[in-house]
Amino acid sequence: MHADVLELLDSHLAQLQSLRRNLTSPRPSRPGERHDAAAATLHSTQHFAAELKQILDPPALRSAGPLP
């Protein structure tokens, strides 16, 4: 599980860094581009949260019920 969490986190951080570079690049931006980048950041974070939840609480464990 530890390796899975680190891999997921590394991927998420790389996505966020890419989005940040896009937001801070010294060039003119098209209308709505910053909004789109912010929305992409939200989407990336939601995906990260959902994937992390699956790692920490897989469906097989939830359906098995509490441990005795």
Protein backbone atom coordinates (compact mmCIF):
# COMPACT_ATOMS: atom_id res chain seq x y z
CA MET A 1 0.00 0.00 0.00
CA HIS A 2 2.84 2.41 0.83
CA ALA A 3 4.25 2.23 -2.71
CA ASP A 4 0.78 2.75 -4.21
CA VAL A 5 0.20 5.88 -2.13
CA LEU A 6 3.61 7.29 -3.06
CA GLU A 7 3.09 6.57 -6.75
CA LEU A 8 -0.34 8.22 -6.67
CA LEU A 9 1.02 11.22 -4.79
CA ASP A 10 3.95 11.62 -7.19
CA SER A 11 1.59 11.54 -10.14
CA HIS A 12 -0.74 14.08 -8.54
CA LEU A 13 2.10 16.43 -7.66
CA ALA A 14 3.46 16.21 -11.22
CA GLN A 15 0.02 17.15 -12.57
CA LEU A 16 -0.22 20.08 -10.18
CA GLN A 17 3.28 21.27 -11.10
CA SER A 18 2.36 21.14 -14.78
CA LEU A 19 -0.80 23.15 -14.16
CA ARG A 20 1.16 25.65 -12.08
CA ARG A 21 3.73 26.10 -14.85
CA ASN A 22 0.88 26.76 -17.26
CA LEU A 23 -0.63 29.38 -14.94
CA THR A 24 2.65 31.17 -14.32
CA SER A 25 4.15 31.10 -17.81
CA PRO A 26 5.14 34.60 -18.97
CA ARG A 27 2.87 34.81 -21.97
CA PRO A 28 -0.53 36.26 -22.76
CA SER A 29 -3.36 33.96 -21.79
CA ARG A 30 -6.53 33.41 -23.76
CA PRO A 31 -9.87 34.29 -22.16
CA GLY A 32 -10.88 31.61 -19.67
CA GLU A 33 -7.49 29.87 -19.68
CA ARG A 34 -6.80 30.55 -16.01
CA HIS A 35 -10.29 29.40 -15.09
CA ASP A 36 -9.74 26.18 -17.08
CA ALA A 37 -6.43 25.58 -15.30
CA ALA A 38 -8.07 26.10 -11.91
CA ALA A 39 -10.86 23.67 -12.88
CA ALA A 40 -8.23 21.14 -14.02
CA THR A 41 -6.55 21.50 -10.62
CA LEU A 42 -9.85 20.74 -8.90
CA HIS A 43 -10.46 17.74 -11.16
CA SER A 44 -6.94 16.42 -10.49
CA THR A 45 -7.44 16.77 -6.75
CA GLN A 46 -10.82 15.03 -6.84
CA HIS A 47 -9.30 12.17 -8.84
CA PHE A 48 -6.42 11.94 -6.35
CA ALA A 49 -8.86 11.82 -3.41
CA ALA A 50 -11.00 9.12 -5.02
CA GLU A 51 -7.98 6.97 -5.92
CA LEU A 52 -6.47 7.40 -2.46
CA LYS A 53 -9.76 6.39 -0.87
CA GLN A 54 -9.73 3.19 -2.96
CA ILE A 55 -6.19 2.42 -1.76
CA LEU A 56 -6.96 3.12 1.89
CA ASP A 57 -10.42 1.54 1.95
CA PRO A 58 -10.74 -0.99 -0.91
CA PRO A 59 -14.29 -2.21 -1.74
CA ALA A 60 -13.44 -5.78 -0.73
CA LEU A 61 -12.70 -4.64 2.82
CA ARG A 62 -15.84 -2.49 3.03
CA SER A 63 -18.11 -5.33 1.88
CA ALA A 64 -16.55 -7.79 4.33
CA GLY A 65 -17.79 -5.75 7.27
CA PRO A 66 -15.96 -4.95 10.49
CA LEU A 67 -13.19 -7.18 11.70
CA PRO A 68 -14.06 -9.45 14.61
